[in-house]
C-alpha cells in the first residue's frame, strides 16, 4: 500500500487530479451552514443556492482564447 502512494505522488498530474477530485467530492462543510446562518440572521440576506458551472478545463480555455483572439 505505501508503494502506491509513492508512485502516485511522483506523477504530479495524477496527484493534482486526485487531490482536486477529492476536494470536489467532499460535500458541504459545517462552515457552509455557519455562513448561511450569518447571511440570514446577521446580514439579513437570503443565501443563494445557485450551482456553479463545472471547473473549466485549462487546456480547453487556452484553445478558446487562441480561437477567439483574446490577449489574456
PDB file of N, CA and C in Angstrom:
ATOM      1  N   UNK A   1       0.812  -1.204   0.000  1.00  0.00           N
ATOM      2  CA  UNK A   1       0.000   0.000   0.000  1.00  0.00           C
ATOM      3  C   UNK A   1       0.855   1.268   0.000  1.00  0.00           C
ATOM      4  N   UNK A   2       1.862   1.411   0.827  1.00  0.00           N
ATOM      5  CA  UNK A   2       2.679   2.629   0.796  1.00  0.00           C
ATOM      6  C   UNK A   2       3.328   2.879  -0.566  1.00  0.00           C
ATOM      7  N   UNK A   3       3.667   1.819  -1.301  1.00  0.00           N
ATOM      8  CA  UNK A   3       4.295   1.986  -2.598  1.00  0.00           C
ATOM      9  C   UNK A   3       3.368   2.710  -3.560  1.00  0.00           C
ATOM     10  N   UNK A   4       2.077   2.370  -3.527  1.00  0.00           N
ATOM     11  CA  UNK A   4       1.111   3.025  -4.412  1.00  0.00           C
ATOM     12  C   UNK A   4       1.101   4.532  -4.172  1.00  0.00           C
ATOM     13  N   UNK A   5       1.131   4.928  -2.915  1.00  0.00           N
ATOM     14  CA  UNK A   5       1.146   6.346  -2.591  1.00  0.00           C
ATOM     15  C   UNK A   5       2.379   7.033  -3.135  1.00  0.00           C
ATOM     16  N   UNK A   6       3.522   6.406  -3.012  1.00  0.00           N
ATOM     17  CA  UNK A   6       4.771   6.993  -3.503  1.00  0.00           C
ATOM     18  C   UNK A   6       4.736   7.156  -5.019  1.00  0.00           C
ATOM     19  N   UNK A   7       4.232   6.149  -5.715  1.00  0.00           N
ATOM     20  CA  UNK A   7       4.172   6.218  -7.175  1.00  0.00           C
ATOM     21  C   UNK A   7       3.217   7.324  -7.604  1.00  0.00           C
ATOM     22  N   UNK A   8       2.084   7.435  -6.939  1.00  0.00           N
ATOM     23  CA  UNK A   8       1.108   8.466  -7.284  1.00  0.00           C
ATOM     24  C   UNK A   8       1.692   9.854  -7.077  1.00  0.00           C
ATOM     25  N   UNK A   9       2.389  10.063  -5.980  1.00  0.00           N
ATOM     26  CA  UNK A   9       2.972  11.375  -5.700  1.00  0.00           C
ATOM     27  C   UNK A   9       4.014  11.739  -6.761  1.00  0.00           C
ATOM     28  N   UNK A  10       4.700  10.768  -7.295  1.00  0.00           N
ATOM     29  CA  UNK A  10       5.710  11.040  -8.312  1.00  0.00           C
ATOM     30  C   UNK A  10       5.087  11.491  -9.630  1.00  0.00           C
ATOM     31  N   UNK A  11       3.834  11.143  -9.882  1.00  0.00           N
ATOM     32  CA  UNK A  11       3.121  11.575 -11.085  1.00  0.00           C
ATOM     33  C   UNK A  11       2.322  12.822 -10.708  1.00  0.00           C
ATOM     34  N   UNK A  12       2.912  13.994 -10.898  1.00  0.00           N
ATOM     35  CA  UNK A  12       2.323  15.253 -10.430  1.00  0.00           C
ATOM     36  C   UNK A  12       0.936  15.494 -11.015  1.00  0.00           C
ATOM     37  N   UNK A  13       0.732  15.213 -12.298  1.00  0.00           N
ATOM     38  CA  UNK A  13      -0.575  15.434 -12.905  1.00  0.00           C
ATOM     39  C   UNK A  13      -1.635  14.537 -12.273  1.00  0.00           C
ATOM     40  N   UNK A  14      -1.283  13.273 -12.069  1.00  0.00           N
ATOM     41  CA  UNK A  14      -2.223  12.344 -11.443  1.00  0.00           C
ATOM     42  C   UNK A  14      -2.521  12.774 -10.008  1.00  0.00           C
ATOM     43  N   UNK A  15      -1.490  13.178  -9.293  1.00  0.00           N
ATOM     44  CA  UNK A  15      -1.657  13.617  -7.905  1.00  0.00           C
ATOM     45  C   UNK A  15      -2.573  14.835  -7.846  1.00  0.00           C
ATOM     46  N   UNK A  16      -2.361  15.799  -8.727  1.00  0.00           N
ATOM     47  CA  UNK A  16      -3.183  17.002  -8.756  1.00  0.00           C
ATOM     48  C   UNK A  16      -4.639  16.653  -9.040  1.00  0.00           C
ATOM     49  N   UNK A  17      -4.859  15.811 -10.051  1.00  0.00           N
ATOM     50  CA  UNK A  17      -6.223  15.422 -10.401  1.00  0.00           C
ATOM     51  C   UNK A  17      -6.900  14.707  -9.232  1.00  0.00           C
ATOM     52  N   UNK A  18      -6.194  13.777  -8.606  1.00  0.00           N
ATOM     53  CA  UNK A  18      -6.766  13.052  -7.479  1.00  0.00           C
ATOM     54  C   UNK A  18      -7.069  13.996  -6.317  1.00  0.00           C
ATOM     55  N   UNK A  19      -6.193  14.952  -6.078  1.00  0.00           N
ATOM     56  CA  UNK A  19      -6.398  15.913  -4.989  1.00  0.00           C
ATOM     57  C   UNK A  19      -7.627  16.770  -5.243  1.00  0.00           C
ATOM     58  N   UNK A  20      -7.745  17.284  -6.465  1.00  0.00           N
ATOM     59  CA  UNK A  20      -8.882  18.144  -6.798  1.00  0.00           C
ATOM     60  C   UNK A  20     -10.197  17.371  -6.782  1.00  0.00           C
ATOM     61  N   UNK A  21     -10.172  16.126  -7.260  1.00  0.00           N
ATOM     62  CA  UNK A  21     -11.384  15.309  -7.230  1.00  0.00           C
ATOM     63  C   UNK A  21     -11.805  15.024  -5.784  1.00  0.00           C
ATOM     64  N   UNK A  22     -10.838  14.813  -4.908  1.00  0.00           N
ATOM     65  CA  UNK A  22     -11.129  14.588  -3.501  1.00  0.00           C
ATOM     66  C   UNK A  22     -11.774  15.823  -2.873  1.00  0.00           C
ATOM     67  N   UNK A  23     -11.244  16.991  -3.188  1.00  0.00           N
ATOM     68  CA  UNK A  23     -11.810  18.237  -2.663  1.00  0.00           C
ATOM     69  C   UNK A  23     -13.219  18.441  -3.205  1.00  0.00           C
ATOM     70  N   UNK A  24     -13.396  18.239  -4.509  1.00  0.00           N
ATOM     71  CA  UNK A  24     -14.699  18.459  -5.139  1.00  0.00           C
ATOM     72  C   UNK A  24     -15.765  17.516  -4.593  1.00  0.00           C
ATOM     73  N   UNK A  25     -15.377  16.329  -4.190  1.00  0.00           N
ATOM     74  CA  UNK A  25     -16.333  15.337  -3.708  1.00  0.00           C
ATOM     75  C   UNK A  25     -16.568  15.417  -2.206  1.00  0.00           C
ATOM     76  N   UNK A  26     -15.962  16.388  -1.545  1.00  0.00           N
ATOM     77  CA  UNK A  26     -16.029  16.429  -0.084  1.00  0.00           C
ATOM     78  C   UNK A  26     -17.390  16.850   0.446  1.00  0.00           C
ATOM     79  N   UNK A  27     -18.211  17.502  -0.352  1.00  0.00           N
ATOM     80  CA  UNK A  27     -19.549  17.876   0.106  1.00  0.00           C
ATOM     81  C   UNK A  27     -19.540  19.122   0.965  1.00  0.00           C
ATOM     82  N   UNK A  28     -20.648  19.323   1.661  1.00  0.00           N
ATOM     83  CA  UNK A  28     -20.802  20.523   2.490  1.00  0.00           C
ATOM     84  C   UNK A  28     -19.938  20.436   3.743  1.00  0.00           C
ATOM     85  N   UNK A  29     -19.471  21.580   4.165  1.00  0.00           N
ATOM     86  CA  UNK A  29     -18.717  21.699   5.409  1.00  0.00           C
ATOM     87  C   UNK A  29     -19.615  22.371   6.438  1.00  0.00           C
ATOM     88  N   UNK A  30     -19.283  22.230   7.695  1.00  0.00           N
ATOM     89  CA  UNK A  30     -20.069  22.900   8.728  1.00  0.00           C
ATOM     90  C   UNK A  30     -19.995  24.415   8.552  1.00  0.00           C
ATOM     91  N   UNK A  31     -18.904  24.913   7.975  1.00  0.00           N
ATOM     92  CA  UNK A  31     -18.798  26.356   7.744  1.00  0.00           C
ATOM     93  C   UNK A  31     -19.845  26.833   6.730  1.00  0.00           C
ATOM     94  N   UNK A  32     -20.289  25.944   5.832  1.00  0.00           N
ATOM     95  CA  UNK A  32     -21.336  26.325   4.885  1.00  0.00           C
ATOM     96  C   UNK A  32     -22.599  26.738   5.639  1.00  0.00           C
ATOM     97  N   UNK A  33     -22.941  25.978   6.656  1.00  0.00           N
ATOM     98  CA  UNK A  33     -24.132  26.312   7.440  1.00  0.00           C
ATOM     99  C   UNK A  33     -23.903  27.594   8.221  1.00  0.00           C
ATOM    100  N   UNK A  34     -22.732  27.761   8.782  1.00  0.00           N
ATOM    101  CA  UNK A  34     -22.420  28.974   9.544  1.00  0.00           C
ATOM    102  C   UNK A  34     -22.557  30.207   8.665  1.00  0.00           C
ATOM    103  N   UNK A  35     -21.998  30.150   7.471  1.00  0.00           N
ATOM    104  CA  UNK A  35     -22.077  31.291   6.555  1.00  0.00           C
ATOM    105  C   UNK A  35     -23.525  31.544   6.156  1.00  0.00           C
ATOM    106  N   UNK A  36     -24.268  30.477   5.916  1.00  0.00           N
ATOM    107  CA  UNK A  36     -25.682  30.607   5.566  1.00  0.00           C
ATOM    108  C   UNK A  36     -26.461  31.267   6.702  1.00  0.00           C
ATOM    109  N   UNK A  37     -26.189  30.832   7.944  1.00  0.00           N
ATOM    110  CA  UNK A  37     -26.862  31.426   9.102  1.00  0.00           C
ATOM    111  C   UNK A  37     -26.493  32.898   9.265  1.00  0.00           C
ATOM    112  N   UNK A  38     -25.218  33.242   9.078  1.00  0.00           N
ATOM    113  CA  UNK A  38     -24.795  34.644   9.153  1.00  0.00           C
ATOM    114  C   UNK A  38     -25.527  35.463   8.100  1.00  0.00           C
ATOM    115  N   UNK A  39     -25.596  34.942   6.888  1.00  0.00           N
ATOM    116  CA  UNK A  39     -26.256  35.670   5.807  1.00  0.00           C
ATOM    117  C   UNK A  39     -27.703  35.974   6.178  1.00  0.00           C
ATOM    118  N   UNK A  40     -28.387  34.973   6.702  1.00  0.00           N
ATOM    119  CA  UNK A  40     -29.805  35.115   7.019  1.00  0.00           C
ATOM    120  C   UNK A  40     -30.023  35.932   8.293  1.00  0.00           C
ATOM    121  N   UNK A  41     -29.341  35.567   9.381  1.00  0.00           N
ATOM    122  CA  UNK A  41     -29.632  36.137  10.698  1.00  0.00           C
ATOM    123  C   UNK A  41     -28.925  37.456  10.990  1.00  0.00           C
ATOM    124  N   UNK A  42     -27.722  37.638  10.478  1.00  0.00           N
ATOM    125  CA  UNK A  42     -26.949  38.835  10.818  1.00  0.00           C
ATOM    126  C   UNK A  42     -27.003  39.875   9.703  1.00  0.00           C
ATOM    127  N   UNK A  43     -26.767  39.427   8.475  1.00  0.00           N
ATOM    128  CA  UNK A  43     -26.728  40.370   7.366  1.00  0.00           C
ATOM    129  C   UNK A  43     -28.104  40.614   6.753  1.00  0.00           C
ATOM    130  N   UNK A  44     -29.067  39.758   7.085  1.00  0.00           N
ATOM    131  CA  UNK A  44     -30.425  39.952   6.590  1.00  0.00           C
ATOM    132  C   UNK A  44     -30.592  39.708   5.098  1.00  0.00           C
ATOM    133  N   UNK A  45     -29.811  38.816   4.551  1.00  0.00           N
ATOM    134  CA  UNK A  45     -29.934  38.493   3.129  1.00  0.00           C
ATOM    135  C   UNK A  45     -30.282  37.015   2.986  1.00  0.00           C
ATOM    136  N   UNK A  46     -30.884  36.695   1.865  1.00  0.00           N
ATOM    137  CA  UNK A  46     -31.237  35.302   1.600  1.00  0.00           C
ATOM    138  C   UNK A  46     -30.091  34.662   0.834  1.00  0.00           C
ATOM    139  N   UNK A  47     -29.511  33.593   1.383  1.00  0.00           N
ATOM    140  CA  UNK A  47     -28.418  32.927   0.664  1.00  0.00           C
ATOM    141  C   UNK A  47     -28.913  32.353  -0.652  1.00  0.00           C
ATOM    142  N   UNK A  48     -28.079  32.445  -1.670  1.00  0.00           N
ATOM    143  CA  UNK A  48     -28.401  31.876  -2.967  1.00  0.00           C
ATOM    144  C   UNK A  48     -27.893  30.442  -3.019  1.00  0.00           C
ATOM    145  N   UNK A  49     -28.612  29.611  -3.692  1.00  0.00           N
ATOM    146  CA  UNK A  49     -28.237  28.206  -3.817  1.00  0.00           C
ATOM    147  C   UNK A  49     -27.878  27.867  -5.258  1.00  0.00           C
ATOM    148  N   UNK A  50     -27.406  28.871  -5.996  1.00  0.00           N
ATOM    149  CA  UNK A  50     -27.036  28.647  -7.388  1.00  0.00           C
ATOM    150  C   UNK A  50     -25.901  27.634  -7.475  1.00  0.00           C
ATOM    151  N   UNK A  51     -25.991  26.776  -8.444  1.00  0.00           N
ATOM    152  CA  UNK A  51     -24.897  25.832  -8.706  1.00  0.00           C
ATOM    153  C   UNK A  51     -23.907  26.510  -9.634  1.00  0.00           C
ATOM    154  N   UNK A  52     -22.645  26.402  -9.301  1.00  0.00           N
ATOM    155  CA  UNK A  52     -21.608  26.946 -10.157  1.00  0.00           C
ATOM    156  C   UNK A  52     -21.323  25.964 -11.286  1.00  0.00           C
ATOM    157  N   UNK A  53     -20.901  26.472 -12.431  1.00  0.00           N
ATOM    158  CA  UNK A  53     -20.559  25.551 -13.517  1.00  0.00           C
ATOM    159  C   UNK A  53     -19.334  24.719 -13.134  1.00  0.00           C
ATOM    160  N   UNK A  54     -19.185  23.609 -13.803  1.00  0.00           N
ATOM    161  CA  UNK A  54     -18.025  22.751 -13.559  1.00  0.00           C
ATOM    162  C   UNK A  54     -16.744  23.531 -13.841  1.00  0.00           C
ATOM    163  N   UNK A  55     -15.674  23.203 -13.134  1.00  0.00           N
ATOM    164  CA  UNK A  55     -14.400  23.884 -13.393  1.00  0.00           C
ATOM    165  C   UNK A  55     -14.013  23.767 -14.859  1.00  0.00           C
ATOM    166  N   UNK A  56     -13.429  24.810 -15.365  1.00  0.00           N
ATOM    167  CA  UNK A  56     -13.064  24.873 -16.774  1.00  0.00           C
ATOM    168  C   UNK A  56     -11.755  24.138 -17.000  1.00  0.00           C
ATOM    169  N   UNK A  57     -11.734  23.301 -18.006  1.00  0.00           N
ATOM    170  CA  UNK A  57     -10.507  22.600 -18.389  1.00  0.00           C
ATOM    171  C   UNK A  57      -9.514  23.653 -18.881  1.00  0.00           C
ATOM    172  N   UNK A  58      -8.380  23.804 -18.203  1.00  0.00           N
ATOM    173  CA  UNK A  58      -7.438  24.865 -18.552  1.00  0.00           C
ATOM    174  C   UNK A  58      -6.935  24.741 -19.984  1.00  0.00           C
ATOM    175  N   UNK A  59      -6.786  23.522 -20.468  1.00  0.00           N
ATOM    176  CA  UNK A  59      -6.334  23.355 -21.847  1.00  0.00           C
ATOM    177  C   UNK A  59      -7.419  23.808 -22.826  1.00  0.00           C
ATOM    178  N   UNK A  60      -8.672  23.522 -22.495  1.00  0.00           N
ATOM    179  CA  UNK A  60      -9.765  23.978 -23.340  1.00  0.00           C
ATOM    180  C   UNK A  60      -9.824  25.497 -23.319  1.00  0.00           C
ATOM    181  N   UNK A  61      -9.614  26.109 -22.155  1.00  0.00           N
ATOM    182  CA  UNK A  61      -9.621  27.574 -22.042  1.00  0.00           C
ATOM    183  C   UNK A  61      -8.536  28.173 -22.931  1.00  0.00           C
ATOM    184  N   UNK A  62      -7.355  27.576 -22.934  1.00  0.00           N
ATOM    185  CA  UNK A  62      -6.274  28.070 -23.782  1.00  0.00           C
ATOM    186  C   UNK A  62      -6.668  28.003 -25.254  1.00  0.00           C
ATOM    187  N   UNK A  63      -7.302  26.901 -25.658  1.00  0.00           N
ATOM    188  CA  UNK A  63      -7.740  26.775 -27.056  1.00  0.00           C
ATOM    189  C   UNK A  63      -8.795  27.823 -27.389  1.00  0.00           C
ATOM    190  N   UNK A  64      -9.748  28.044 -26.460  1.00  0.00           N
ATOM    191  CA  UNK A  64     -10.796  29.035 -26.692  1.00  0.00           C
ATOM    192  C   UNK A  64     -10.218  30.440 -26.814  1.00  0.00           C
ATOM    193  N   UNK A  65      -9.232  30.747 -25.984  1.00  0.00           N
ATOM    194  CA  UNK A  65      -8.605  32.071 -26.030  1.00  0.00           C
ATOM    195  C   UNK A  65      -7.923  32.284 -27.372  1.00  0.00           C
ATOM    196  N   UNK A  66      -7.195  31.271 -27.820  1.00  0.00           N
ATOM    197  CA  UNK A  66      -6.498  31.370 -29.105  1.00  0.00           C
ATOM    198  C   UNK A  66      -7.513  31.530 -30.238  1.00  0.00           C
ATOM    199  N   UNK A  67      -8.572  30.709 -30.226  1.00  0.00           N
ATOM    200  CA  UNK A  67      -9.584  30.786 -31.283  1.00  0.00           C
ATOM    201  C   UNK A  67     -10.310  32.131 -31.295  1.00  0.00           C
ATOM    202  N   UNK A  68     -10.550  32.691 -30.107  1.00  0.00           N
ATOM    203  CA  UNK A  68     -11.273  33.954 -30.025  1.00  0.00           C
ATOM    204  C   UNK A  68     -10.363  35.153 -30.259  1.00  0.00           C
ATOM    205  N   UNK A  69      -9.057  34.925 -30.268  1.00  0.00           N
ATOM    206  CA  UNK A  69      -8.113  36.017 -30.464  1.00  0.00           C
ATOM    207  C   UNK A  69      -7.962  36.910 -29.252  1.00  0.00           C
ATOM    208  N   UNK A  70      -8.298  36.376 -28.063  1.00  0.00           N
ATOM    209  CA  UNK A  70      -8.175  37.166 -26.827  1.00  0.00           C
ATOM    210  C   UNK A  70      -6.698  37.274 -26.459  1.00  0.00           C
ATOM    211  N   UNK A  71      -6.360  38.412 -25.835  1.00  0.00           N
ATOM    212  CA  UNK A  71      -4.970  38.630 -25.418  1.00  0.00           C
ATOM    213  C   UNK A  71      -4.651  37.962 -24.103  1.00  0.00           C
ATOM    214  N   UNK A  72      -5.622  37.854 -23.190  1.00  0.00           N
ATOM    215  CA  UNK A  72      -5.349  37.271 -21.878  1.00  0.00           C
ATOM    216  C   UNK A  72      -6.382  36.277 -21.489  1.00  0.00           C
TER     217      UNK A  72
END
